[in-house]
Amino acid sequence: MTLTAANAATVLKHNQLPLLVDCWAPWCAPCRSFASVFEQAAGQYEPNLRLAKLDTEAHPSLATRWQIRSIPTLILFRDGREAARVSGALSSTQLQQWLAQQGVRAANR
């Protein structure tokens, strides 16, 4: 899912699952390298977790509102509110550990 300034409020309000947002930009090399880890997480965690991407360059108003200071930044939302965040390009193992610390479990497949 792609978040935009136009749909973010609605997505956050109506999403009943935890939502993990990858805040990134096309020019950011660490963001591009993290993209495959994020895509892999979608396969491991959905339907227990929804994943979305926010292009901070295309939607700077959201980046400002969410106080994104560095990218990539991951923000975990629960019930429409920020529950946790981490900055930097995580490895798959680091992402799994961070999500586990937040109480998010991989889907049983």
PDB file of N, CA and C in Angstrom:
ATOM      1  N   MET A   1       0.842  -1.156   0.000  1.00  0.00           N
ATOM      2  CA  MET A   1       0.000   0.000   0.000  1.00  0.00           C
ATOM      3  C   MET A   1       0.898   1.234   0.000  1.00  0.00           C
ATOM      4  N   THR A   2       0.482   2.245  -0.704  1.00  0.00           N
ATOM      5  CA  THR A   2       1.205   3.509  -0.751  1.00  0.00           C
ATOM      6  C   THR A   2       0.418   4.556   0.016  1.00  0.00           C
ATOM      7  N   LEU A   3       1.053   5.182   0.984  1.00  0.00           N
ATOM      8  CA  LEU A   3       0.414   6.272   1.715  1.00  0.00           C
ATOM      9  C   LEU A   3       0.711   7.581   1.011  1.00  0.00           C
ATOM     10  N   THR A   4      -0.287   8.449   1.009  1.00  0.00           N
ATOM     11  CA  THR A   4      -0.150   9.784   0.442  1.00  0.00           C
ATOM     12  C   THR A   4      -0.742  10.778   1.433  1.00  0.00           C
ATOM     13  N   ALA A   5      -0.523  12.045   1.176  1.00  0.00           N
ATOM     14  CA  ALA A   5      -1.135  13.071   2.015  1.00  0.00           C
ATOM     15  C   ALA A   5      -2.655  12.969   1.948  1.00  0.00           C
ATOM     16  N   ALA A   6      -3.174  12.506   0.810  1.00  0.00           N
ATOM     17  CA  ALA A   6      -4.620  12.418   0.625  1.00  0.00           C
ATOM     18  C   ALA A   6      -5.253  11.232   1.344  1.00  0.00           C
ATOM     19  N   ASN A   7      -4.536  10.116   1.485  1.00  0.00           N
ATOM     20  CA  ASN A   7      -5.181   8.927   2.058  1.00  0.00           C
ATOM     21  C   ASN A   7      -4.696   8.546   3.452  1.00  0.00           C
ATOM     22  N   ALA A   8      -3.663   9.170   3.965  1.00  0.00           N
ATOM     23  CA  ALA A   8      -3.056   8.737   5.232  1.00  0.00           C
ATOM     24  C   ALA A   8      -4.035   8.782   6.399  1.00  0.00           C
ATOM     25  N   ALA A   9      -4.761   9.866   6.549  1.00  0.00           N
ATOM     26  CA  ALA A   9      -5.682   9.982   7.685  1.00  0.00           C
ATOM     27  C   ALA A   9      -6.747   8.895   7.642  1.00  0.00           C
ATOM     28  N   THR A  10      -7.280   8.629   6.459  1.00  0.00           N
ATOM     29  CA  THR A  10      -8.304   7.596   6.314  1.00  0.00           C
ATOM     30  C   THR A  10      -7.734   6.218   6.597  1.00  0.00           C
ATOM     31  N   VAL A  11      -6.564   5.928   6.069  1.00  0.00           N
ATOM     32  CA  VAL A  11      -5.935   4.621   6.290  1.00  0.00           C
ATOM     33  C   VAL A  11      -5.677   4.411   7.778  1.00  0.00           C
ATOM     34  N   LEU A  12      -5.138   5.417   8.449  1.00  0.00           N
ATOM     35  CA  LEU A  12      -4.845   5.283   9.878  1.00  0.00           C
ATOM     36  C   LEU A  12      -6.120   5.124  10.698  1.00  0.00           C
ATOM     37  N   LYS A  13      -7.150   5.859  10.343  1.00  0.00           N
ATOM     38  CA  LYS A  13      -8.402   5.826  11.106  1.00  0.00           C
ATOM     39  C   LYS A  13      -9.125   4.494  10.967  1.00  0.00           C
ATOM     40  N   HIS A  14      -9.112   3.927   9.764  1.00  0.00           N
ATOM     41  CA  HIS A  14      -9.926   2.740   9.488  1.00  0.00           C
ATOM     42  C   HIS A  14      -9.147   1.435   9.513  1.00  0.00           C
ATOM     43  N   ASN A  15      -7.860   1.488   9.758  1.00  0.00           N
ATOM     44  CA  ASN A  15      -7.061   0.269   9.773  1.00  0.00           C
ATOM     45  C   ASN A  15      -7.184  -0.398  11.136  1.00  0.00           C
ATOM     46  N   GLN A  16      -7.643  -1.633  11.160  1.00  0.00           N
ATOM     47  CA  GLN A  16      -7.842  -2.337  12.428  1.00  0.00           C
ATOM     48  C   GLN A  16      -6.617  -3.151  12.839  1.00  0.00           C
ATOM     49  N   LEU A  17      -5.696  -3.333  11.945  1.00  0.00           N
ATOM     50  CA  LEU A  17      -4.461  -4.061  12.236  1.00  0.00           C
ATOM     51  C   LEU A  17      -3.337  -3.066  12.515  1.00  0.00           C
ATOM     52  N   PRO A  18      -2.280  -3.499  13.188  1.00  0.00           N
ATOM     53  CA  PRO A  18      -1.102  -2.638  13.268  1.00  0.00           C
ATOM     54  C   PRO A  18      -0.626  -2.310  11.844  1.00  0.00           C
ATOM     55  N   LEU A  19      -0.148  -1.101  11.661  1.00  0.00           N
ATOM     56  CA  LEU A  19       0.309  -0.636  10.348  1.00  0.00           C
ATOM     57  C   LEU A  19       1.768  -0.222  10.458  1.00  0.00           C
ATOM     58  N   LEU A  20       2.614  -0.825   9.629  1.00  0.00           N
ATOM     59  CA  LEU A  20       4.032  -0.485   9.584  1.00  0.00           C
ATOM     60  C   LEU A  20       4.291   0.343   8.335  1.00  0.00           C
ATOM     61  N   VAL A  21       4.782   1.563   8.536  1.00  0.00           N
ATOM     62  CA  VAL A  21       5.026   2.482   7.425  1.00  0.00           C
ATOM     63  C   VAL A  21       6.527   2.652   7.228  1.00  0.00           C
ATOM     64  N   ASP A  22       6.971   2.410   6.004  1.00  0.00           N
ATOM     65  CA  ASP A  22       8.357   2.627   5.593  1.00  0.00           C
ATOM     66  C   ASP A  22       8.438   4.014   4.967  1.00  0.00           C
ATOM     67  N   CYS A  23       9.089   4.951   5.649  1.00  0.00           N
ATOM     68  CA  CYS A  23       9.270   6.310   5.142  1.00  0.00           C
ATOM     69  C   CYS A  23      10.607   6.345   4.406  1.00  0.00           C
ATOM     70  N   TRP A  24      10.562   6.681   3.133  1.00  0.00           N
ATOM     71  CA  TRP A  24      11.727   6.551   2.267  1.00  0.00           C
ATOM     72  C   TRP A  24      11.716   7.664   1.219  1.00  0.00           C
ATOM     73  N   ALA A  25      12.743   7.696   0.382  1.00  0.00           N
ATOM     74  CA  ALA A  25      12.811   8.601  -0.770  1.00  0.00           C
ATOM     75  C   ALA A  25      13.573   7.895  -1.885  1.00  0.00           C
ATOM     76  N   PRO A  26      13.238   8.201  -3.138  1.00  0.00           N
ATOM     77  CA  PRO A  26      13.862   7.512  -4.269  1.00  0.00           C
ATOM     78  C   PRO A  26      15.376   7.704  -4.363  1.00  0.00           C
ATOM     79  N   TRP A  27      15.904   8.825  -3.904  1.00  0.00           N
ATOM     80  CA  TRP A  27      17.335   9.106  -4.011  1.00  0.00           C
ATOM     81  C   TRP A  27      18.155   8.461  -2.891  1.00  0.00           C
ATOM     82  N   CYS A  28      17.491   7.866  -1.914  1.00  0.00           N
ATOM     83  CA  CYS A  28      18.149   7.333  -0.716  1.00  0.00           C
ATOM     84  C   CYS A  28      18.616   5.897  -0.950  1.00  0.00           C
ATOM     85  N   ALA A  29      19.938   5.700  -1.044  1.00  0.00           N
ATOM     86  CA  ALA A  29      20.486   4.356  -1.295  1.00  0.00           C
ATOM     87  C   ALA A  29      20.139   3.362  -0.187  1.00  0.00           C
ATOM     88  N   PRO A  30      20.259   3.713   1.105  1.00  0.00           N
ATOM     89  CA  PRO A  30      19.856   2.757   2.143  1.00  0.00           C
ATOM     90  C   PRO A  30      18.369   2.393   2.053  1.00  0.00           C
ATOM     91  N   CYS A  31      17.549   3.356   1.638  1.00  0.00           N
ATOM     92  CA  CYS A  31      16.110   3.080   1.471  1.00  0.00           C
ATOM     93  C   CYS A  31      15.896   2.038   0.381  1.00  0.00           C
ATOM     94  N   ARG A  32      16.621   2.189  -0.714  1.00  0.00           N
ATOM     95  CA  ARG A  32      16.471   1.239  -1.824  1.00  0.00           C
ATOM     96  C   ARG A  32      16.945  -0.150  -1.416  1.00  0.00           C
ATOM     97  N   SER A  33      18.025  -0.229  -0.637  1.00  0.00           N
ATOM     98  CA  SER A  33      18.508  -1.547  -0.211  1.00  0.00           C
ATOM     99  C   SER A  33      17.550  -2.179   0.799  1.00  0.00           C
ATOM    100  N   PHE A  34      16.871  -1.375   1.603  1.00  0.00           N
ATOM    101  CA  PHE A  34      15.923  -1.888   2.590  1.00  0.00           C
ATOM    102  C   PHE A  34      14.612  -2.339   1.940  1.00  0.00           C
ATOM    103  N   ALA A  35      14.323  -1.874   0.740  1.00  0.00           N
ATOM    104  CA  ALA A  35      13.041  -2.182   0.089  1.00  0.00           C
ATOM    105  C   ALA A  35      12.783  -3.680  -0.009  1.00  0.00           C
ATOM    106  N   SER A  36      13.793  -4.468  -0.319  1.00  0.00           N
ATOM    107  CA  SER A  36      13.585  -5.916  -0.444  1.00  0.00           C
ATOM    108  C   SER A  36      13.289  -6.553   0.914  1.00  0.00           C
ATOM    109  N   VAL A  37      13.894  -6.048   1.973  1.00  0.00           N
ATOM    110  CA  VAL A  37      13.615  -6.548   3.326  1.00  0.00           C
ATOM    111  C   VAL A  37      12.163  -6.244   3.687  1.00  0.00           C
ATOM    112  N   PHE A  38      11.709  -5.040   3.349  1.00  0.00           N
ATOM    113  CA  PHE A  38      10.334  -4.628   3.642  1.00  0.00           C
ATOM    114  C   PHE A  38       9.337  -5.484   2.864  1.00  0.00           C
ATOM    115  N   GLU A  39       9.639  -5.735   1.586  1.00  0.00           N
ATOM    116  CA  GLU A  39       8.761  -6.588   0.773  1.00  0.00           C
ATOM    117  C   GLU A  39       8.697  -8.001   1.334  1.00  0.00           C
ATOM    118  N   GLN A  40       9.821  -8.522   1.765  1.00  0.00           N
ATOM    119  CA  GLN A  40       9.861  -9.857   2.359  1.00  0.00           C
ATOM    120  C   GLN A  40       9.013  -9.891   3.632  1.00  0.00           C
ATOM    121  N   ALA A  41       9.058  -8.836   4.419  1.00  0.00           N
ATOM    122  CA  ALA A  41       8.267  -8.765   5.652  1.00  0.00           C
ATOM    123  C   ALA A  41       6.777  -8.822   5.351  1.00  0.00           C
ATOM    124  N   ALA A  42       6.369  -8.242   4.230  1.00  0.00           N
ATOM    125  CA  ALA A  42       4.952  -8.299   3.861  1.00  0.00           C
ATOM    126  C   ALA A  42       4.500  -9.746   3.746  1.00  0.00           C
ATOM    127  N   GLY A  43       5.311 -10.573   3.135  1.00  0.00           N
ATOM    128  CA  GLY A  43       4.970 -11.980   2.986  1.00  0.00           C
ATOM    129  C   GLY A  43       4.979 -12.742   4.298  1.00  0.00           C
ATOM    130  N   GLN A  44       5.796 -12.298   5.237  1.00  0.00           N
ATOM    131  CA  GLN A  44       5.916 -12.992   6.521  1.00  0.00           C
ATOM    132  C   GLN A  44       4.873 -12.560   7.542  1.00  0.00           C
ATOM    133  N   TYR A  45       4.443 -11.308   7.488  1.00  0.00           N
ATOM    134  CA  TYR A  45       3.612 -10.762   8.563  1.00  0.00           C
ATOM    135  C   TYR A  45       2.149 -10.533   8.193  1.00  0.00           C
ATOM    136  N   GLU A  46       1.848 -10.283   6.924  1.00  0.00           N
ATOM    137  CA  GLU A  46       0.445 -10.119   6.569  1.00  0.00           C
ATOM    138  C   GLU A  46      -0.232 -11.477   6.682  1.00  0.00           C
ATOM    139  N   PRO A  47      -1.408 -11.632   7.226  1.00  0.00           N
ATOM    140  CA  PRO A  47      -2.403 -10.608   7.543  1.00  0.00           C
ATOM    141  C   PRO A  47      -2.374 -10.089   8.979  1.00  0.00           C
ATOM    142  N   ASN A  48      -1.340 -10.366   9.770  1.00  0.00           N
ATOM    143  CA  ASN A  48      -1.275  -9.855  11.146  1.00  0.00           C
ATOM    144  C   ASN A  48      -0.848  -8.393  11.205  1.00  0.00           C
ATOM    145  N   LEU A  49      -0.272  -7.910  10.141  1.00  0.00           N
ATOM    146  CA  LEU A  49       0.298  -6.572  10.080  1.00  0.00           C
ATOM    147  C   LEU A  49       0.109  -6.053   8.669  1.00  0.00           C
ATOM    148  N   ARG A  50      -0.317  -4.799   8.558  1.00  0.00           N
ATOM    149  CA  ARG A  50      -0.383  -4.168   7.238  1.00  0.00           C
ATOM    150  C   ARG A  50       0.884  -3.360   7.049  1.00  0.00           C
ATOM    151  N   LEU A  51       1.357  -3.342   5.816  1.00  0.00           N
ATOM    152  CA  LEU A  51       2.571  -2.600   5.500  1.00  0.00           C
ATOM    153  C   LEU A  51       2.268  -1.552   4.442  1.00  0.00           C
ATOM    154  N   ALA A  52       2.879  -0.382   4.601  1.00  0.00           N
ATOM    155  CA  ALA A  52       2.673   0.707   3.654  1.00  0.00           C
ATOM    156  C   ALA A  52       3.985   1.461   3.479  1.00  0.00           C
ATOM    157  N   LYS A  53       4.085   2.160   2.350  1.00  0.00           N
ATOM    158  CA  LYS A  53       5.275   2.956   2.059  1.00  0.00           C
ATOM    159  C   LYS A  53       4.860   4.416   1.902  1.00  0.00           C
ATOM    160  N   LEU A  54       5.704   5.308   2.409  1.00  0.00           N
ATOM    161  CA  LEU A  54       5.495   6.738   2.264  1.00  0.00           C
ATOM    162  C   LEU A  54       6.730   7.342   1.616  1.00  0.00           C
ATOM    163  N   ASP A  55       6.566   7.874   0.420  1.00  0.00           N
ATOM    164  CA  ASP A  55       7.640   8.586  -0.272  1.00  0.00           C
ATOM    165  C   ASP A  55       7.700   9.992   0.326  1.00  0.00           C
ATOM    166  N   THR A  56       8.701  10.244   1.157  1.00  0.00           N
ATOM    167  CA  THR A  56       8.790  11.519   1.867  1.00  0.00           C
ATOM    168  C   THR A  56       9.082  12.693   0.930  1.00  0.00           C
ATOM    169  N   GLU A  57       9.657  12.402  -0.212  1.00  0.00           N
ATOM    170  CA  GLU A  57       9.922  13.467  -1.182  1.00  0.00           C
ATOM    171  C   GLU A  57       8.636  13.883  -1.886  1.00  0.00           C
ATOM    172  N   ALA A  58       7.789  12.920  -2.200  1.00  0.00           N
ATOM    173  CA  ALA A  58       6.529  13.209  -2.881  1.00  0.00           C
ATOM    174  C   ALA A  58       5.479  13.774  -1.923  1.00  0.00           C
ATOM    175  N   HIS A  59       5.610  13.464  -0.634  1.00  0.00           N
ATOM    176  CA  HIS A  59       4.613  13.892   0.356  1.00  0.00           C
ATOM    177  C   HIS A  59       5.304  14.508   1.573  1.00  0.00           C
ATOM    178  N   PRO A  60       5.972  15.657   1.367  1.00  0.00           N
ATOM    179  CA  PRO A  60       6.735  16.266   2.457  1.00  0.00           C
ATOM    180  C   PRO A  60       5.868  16.726   3.628  1.00  0.00           C
ATOM    181  N   SER A  61       4.589  17.014   3.389  1.00  0.00           N
ATOM    182  CA  SER A  61       3.737  17.454   4.498  1.00  0.00           C
ATOM    183  C   SER A  61       3.572  16.344   5.533  1.00  0.00           C
ATOM    184  N   LEU A  62       3.454  15.101   5.075  1.00  0.00           N
ATOM    185  CA  LEU A  62       3.363  13.980   6.021  1.00  0.00           C
ATOM    186  C   LEU A  62       4.692  13.760   6.732  1.00  0.00           C
ATOM    187  N   ALA A  63       5.777  13.872   5.996  1.00  0.00           N
ATOM    188  CA  ALA A  63       7.097  13.714   6.612  1.00  0.00           C
ATOM    189  C   ALA A  63       7.296  14.757   7.709  1.00  0.00           C
ATOM    190  N   THR A  64       6.835  15.966   7.473  1.00  0.00           N
ATOM    191  CA  THR A  64       6.929  17.019   8.481  1.00  0.00           C
ATOM    192  C   THR A  64       6.016  16.718   9.662  1.00  0.00           C
ATOM    193  N   ARG A  65       4.775  16.354   9.383  1.00  0.00           N
ATOM    194  CA  ARG A  65       3.807  16.060  10.446  1.00  0.00           C
ATOM    195  C   ARG A  65       4.296  14.915  11.331  1.00  0.00           C
ATOM    196  N   TRP A  66       4.902  13.906  10.717  1.00  0.00           N
ATOM    197  CA  TRP A  66       5.381  12.743  11.475  1.00  0.00           C
ATOM    198  C   TRP A  66       6.816  12.924  11.972  1.00  0.00           C
ATOM    199  N   GLN A  67       7.377  14.104  11.760  1.00  0.00           N
ATOM    200  CA  GLN A  67       8.716  14.465  12.241  1.00  0.00           C
ATOM    201  C   GLN A  67       9.784  13.460  11.804  1.00  0.00           C
ATOM    202  N   ILE A  68       9.786  13.171  10.508  1.00  0.00           N
ATOM    203  CA  ILE A  68      10.799  12.288   9.936  1.00  0.00           C
ATOM    204  C   ILE A  68      12.085  13.099   9.798  1.00  0.00           C
ATOM    205  N   ARG A  69      13.114  12.703  10.520  1.00  0.00           N
ATOM    206  CA  ARG A  69      14.390  13.424  10.508  1.00  0.00           C
ATOM    207  C   ARG A  69      15.449  12.712   9.682  1.00  0.00           C
ATOM    208  N   SER A  70      15.283  11.405   9.498  1.00  0.00           N
ATOM    209  CA  SER A  70      16.224  10.639   8.680  1.00  0.00           C
ATOM    210  C   SER A  70      15.453   9.507   8.019  1.00  0.00           C
ATOM    211  N   ILE A  71      15.993   9.027   6.924  1.00  0.00           N
ATOM    212  CA  ILE A  71      15.353   7.921   6.217  1.00  0.00           C
ATOM    213  C   ILE A  71      16.401   6.863   5.912  1.00  0.00           C
ATOM    214  N   PRO A  72      15.998   5.621   5.843  1.00  0.00           N
ATOM    215  CA  PRO A  72      14.633   5.151   6.062  1.00  0.00           C
ATOM    216  C   PRO A  72      14.251   5.196   7.545  1.00  0.00           C
ATOM    217  N   THR A  73      12.983   5.451   7.784  1.00  0.00           N
ATOM    218  CA  THR A  73      12.402   5.379   9.124  1.00  0.00           C
ATOM    219  C   THR A  73      11.166   4.506   9.041  1.00  0.00           C
ATOM    220  N   LEU A  74      11.038   3.595   9.986  1.00  0.00           N
ATOM    221  CA  LEU A  74       9.843   2.765  10.107  1.00  0.00           C
ATOM    222  C   LEU A  74       9.016   3.288  11.268  1.00  0.00           C
ATOM    223  N   ILE A  75       7.717   3.442  11.033  1.00  0.00           N
ATOM    224  CA  ILE A  75       6.800   3.854  12.094  1.00  0.00           C
ATOM    225  C   ILE A  75       5.717   2.791  12.204  1.00  0.00           C
ATOM    226  N   LEU A  76       5.505   2.305  13.408  1.00  0.00           N
ATOM    227  CA  LEU A  76       4.446   1.339  13.678  1.00  0.00           C
ATOM    228  C   LEU A  76       3.277   2.086  14.300  1.00  0.00           C
ATOM    229  N   PHE A  77       2.117   1.982  13.663  1.00  0.00           N
ATOM    230  CA  PHE A  77       0.897   2.604  14.169  1.00  0.00           C
ATOM    231  C   PHE A  77      -0.033   1.521  14.696  1.00  0.00           C
ATOM    232  N   ARG A  78      -0.664   1.806  15.825  1.00  0.00           N
ATOM    233  CA  ARG A  78      -1.723   0.954  16.381  1.00  0.00           C
ATOM    234  C   ARG A  78      -2.902   1.867  16.701  1.00  0.00           C
ATOM    235  N   ASP A  79      -4.072   1.455  16.253  1.00  0.00           N
ATOM    236  CA  ASP A  79      -5.285   2.244  16.501  1.00  0.00           C
ATOM    237  C   ASP A  79      -5.116   3.694  16.059  1.00  0.00           C
ATOM    238  N   GLY A  80      -4.416   3.891  14.937  1.00  0.00           N
ATOM    239  CA  GLY A  80      -4.260   5.220  14.365  1.00  0.00           C
ATOM    240  C   GLY A  80      -3.212   6.094  15.020  1.00  0.00           C
ATOM    241  N   ARG A  81      -2.503   5.565  16.019  1.00  0.00           N
ATOM    242  CA  ARG A  81      -1.500   6.360  16.729  1.00  0.00           C
ATOM    243  C   ARG A  81      -0.131   5.700  16.639  1.00  0.00           C
ATOM    244  N   GLU A  82       0.890   6.537  16.626  1.00  0.00           N
ATOM    245  CA  GLU A  82       2.247   5.999  16.581  1.00  0.00           C
ATOM    246  C   GLU A  82       2.538   5.215  17.854  1.00  0.00           C
ATOM    247  N   ALA A  83       2.998   3.976  17.676  1.00  0.00           N
ATOM    248  CA  ALA A  83       3.344   3.118  18.810  1.00  0.00           C
ATOM    249  C   ALA A  83       4.854   2.989  18.970  1.00  0.00           C
ATOM    250  N   ALA A  84       5.580   3.043  17.854  1.00  0.00           N
ATOM    251  CA  ALA A  84       7.035   2.878  17.902  1.00  0.00           C
ATOM    252  C   ALA A  84       7.628   3.344  16.584  1.00  0.00           C
ATOM    253  N   ARG A  85       8.923   3.639  16.613  1.00  0.00           N
ATOM    254  CA  ARG A  85       9.642   3.981  15.382  1.00  0.00           C
ATOM    255  C   ARG A  85      11.093   3.594  15.514  1.00  0.00           C
ATOM    256  N   VAL A  86      11.695   3.352  14.367  1.00  0.00           N
ATOM    257  CA  VAL A  86      13.117   3.045  14.309  1.00  0.00           C
ATOM    258  C   VAL A  86      13.648   3.610  12.990  1.00  0.00           C
ATOM    259  N   SER A  87      14.853   4.136  13.026  1.00  0.00           N
ATOM    260  CA  SER A  87      15.471   4.688  11.819  1.00  0.00           C
ATOM    261  C   SER A  87      16.645   3.823  11.398  1.00  0.00           C
ATOM    262  N   GLY A  88      16.890   3.826  10.101  1.00  0.00           N
ATOM    263  CA  GLY A  88      18.010   3.074   9.549  1.00  0.00           C
ATOM    264  C   GLY A  88      17.542   1.872   8.760  1.00  0.00           C
ATOM    265  N   ALA A  89      18.401   1.419   7.857  1.00  0.00           N
ATOM    266  CA  ALA A  89      18.094   0.253   7.020  1.00  0.00           C
ATOM    267  C   ALA A  89      18.392  -1.007   7.825  1.00  0.00           C
ATOM    268  N   LEU A  90      17.358  -1.652   8.303  1.00  0.00           N
ATOM    269  CA  LEU A  90      17.509  -2.855   9.114  1.00  0.00           C
ATOM    270  C   LEU A  90      17.701  -4.082   8.234  1.00  0.00           C
ATOM    271  N   SER A  91      18.390  -5.060   8.777  1.00  0.00           N
ATOM    272  CA  SER A  91      18.450  -6.365   8.111  1.00  0.00           C
ATOM    273  C   SER A  91      17.132  -7.081   8.389  1.00  0.00           C
ATOM    274  N   SER A  92      16.898  -8.166   7.701  1.00  0.00           N
ATOM    275  CA  SER A  92      15.684  -8.948   7.926  1.00  0.00           C
ATOM    276  C   SER A  92      15.597  -9.406   9.383  1.00  0.00           C
ATOM    277  N   THR A  93      16.700  -9.878   9.923  1.00  0.00           N
ATOM    278  CA  THR A  93      16.732 -10.338  11.317  1.00  0.00           C
ATOM    279  C   THR A  93      16.461  -9.191  12.282  1.00  0.00           C
ATOM    280  N   GLN A  94      17.063  -8.036  12.030  1.00  0.00           N
ATOM    281  CA  GLN A  94      16.837  -6.874  12.893  1.00  0.00           C
ATOM    282  C   GLN A  94      15.374  -6.439  12.855  1.00  0.00           C
ATOM    283  N   LEU A  95      14.774  -6.465  11.667  1.00  0.00           N
ATOM    284  CA  LEU A  95      13.367  -6.091  11.543  1.00  0.00           C
ATOM    285  C   LEU A  95      12.490  -7.077  12.308  1.00  0.00           C
ATOM    286  N   GLN A  96      12.755  -8.363  12.164  1.00  0.00           N
ATOM    287  CA  GLN A  96      11.981  -9.374  12.888  1.00  0.00           C
ATOM    288  C   GLN A  96      12.108  -9.176  14.394  1.00  0.00           C
ATOM    289  N   GLN A  97      13.316  -8.905  14.872  1.00  0.00           N
ATOM    290  CA  GLN A  97      13.528  -8.693  16.305  1.00  0.00           C
ATOM    291  C   GLN A  97      12.797  -7.442  16.787  1.00  0.00           C
ATOM    292  N   TRP A  98      12.861  -6.375  16.011  1.00  0.00           N
ATOM    293  CA  TRP A  98      12.195  -5.132  16.393  1.00  0.00           C
ATOM    294  C   TRP A  98      10.682  -5.325  16.435  1.00  0.00           C
ATOM    295  N   LEU A  99      10.129  -5.999  15.423  1.00  0.00           N
ATOM    296  CA  LEU A  99       8.685  -6.252  15.420  1.00  0.00           C
ATOM    297  C   LEU A  99       8.281  -7.132  16.602  1.00  0.00           C
ATOM    298  N   ALA A 100       9.084  -8.118  16.926  1.00  0.00           N
ATOM    299  CA  ALA A 100       8.788  -8.980  18.082  1.00  0.00           C
ATOM    300  C   ALA A 100       8.783  -8.155  19.370  1.00  0.00           C
ATOM    301  N   GLN A 101       9.709  -7.211  19.489  1.00  0.00           N
ATOM    302  CA  GLN A 101       9.744  -6.336  20.666  1.00  0.00           C
ATOM    303  C   GLN A 101       8.477  -5.492  20.767  1.00  0.00           C
ATOM    304  N   GLN A 102       7.861  -5.225  19.617  1.00  0.00           N
ATOM    305  CA  GLN A 102       6.635  -4.427  19.590  1.00  0.00           C
ATOM    306  C   GLN A 102       5.388  -5.300  19.731  1.00  0.00           C
ATOM    307  N   GLY A 103       5.579  -6.598  19.886  1.00  0.00           N
ATOM    308  CA  GLY A 103       4.446  -7.508  20.056  1.00  0.00           C
ATOM    309  C   GLY A 103       3.794  -7.942  18.763  1.00  0.00           C
ATOM    310  N   VAL A 104       4.480  -7.762  17.638  1.00  0.00           N
ATOM    311  CA  VAL A 104       3.944  -8.165  16.338  1.00  0.00           C
ATOM    312  C   VAL A 104       4.523  -9.531  15.993  1.00  0.00           C
ATOM    313  N   ARG A 105       3.657 -10.454  15.695  1.00  0.00           N
ATOM    314  CA  ARG A 105       4.074 -11.820  15.382  1.00  0.00           C
ATOM    315  C   ARG A 105       3.895 -12.104  13.895  1.00  0.00           C
ATOM    316  N   ALA A 106       4.795 -12.924  13.371  1.00  0.00           N
ATOM    317  CA  ALA A 106       4.682 -13.350  11.969  1.00  0.00           C
ATOM    318  C   ALA A 106       3.434 -14.206  11.810  1.00  0.00           C
ATOM    319  N   ALA A 107       2.904 -14.217  10.604  1.00  0.00           N
ATOM    320  CA  ALA A 107       1.720 -15.030  10.308  1.00  0.00           C
ATOM    321  C   ALA A 107       2.106 -16.500  10.313  1.00  0.00           C
ATOM    322  N   ASN A 108       1.197 -17.332  10.731  1.00  0.00           N
ATOM    323  CA  ASN A 108       1.416 -18.786  10.683  1.00  0.00           C
ATOM    324  C   ASN A 108       1.119 -19.271   9.282  1.00  0.00           C
ATOM    325  N   ARG A 109       2.139 -19.763   8.615  1.00  0.00           N
ATOM    326  CA  ARG A 109       1.945 -20.241   7.236  1.00  0.00           C
ATOM    327  C   ARG A 109       2.461 -21.628   7.121  1.00  0.00           C
TER     328      ARG A 109
END
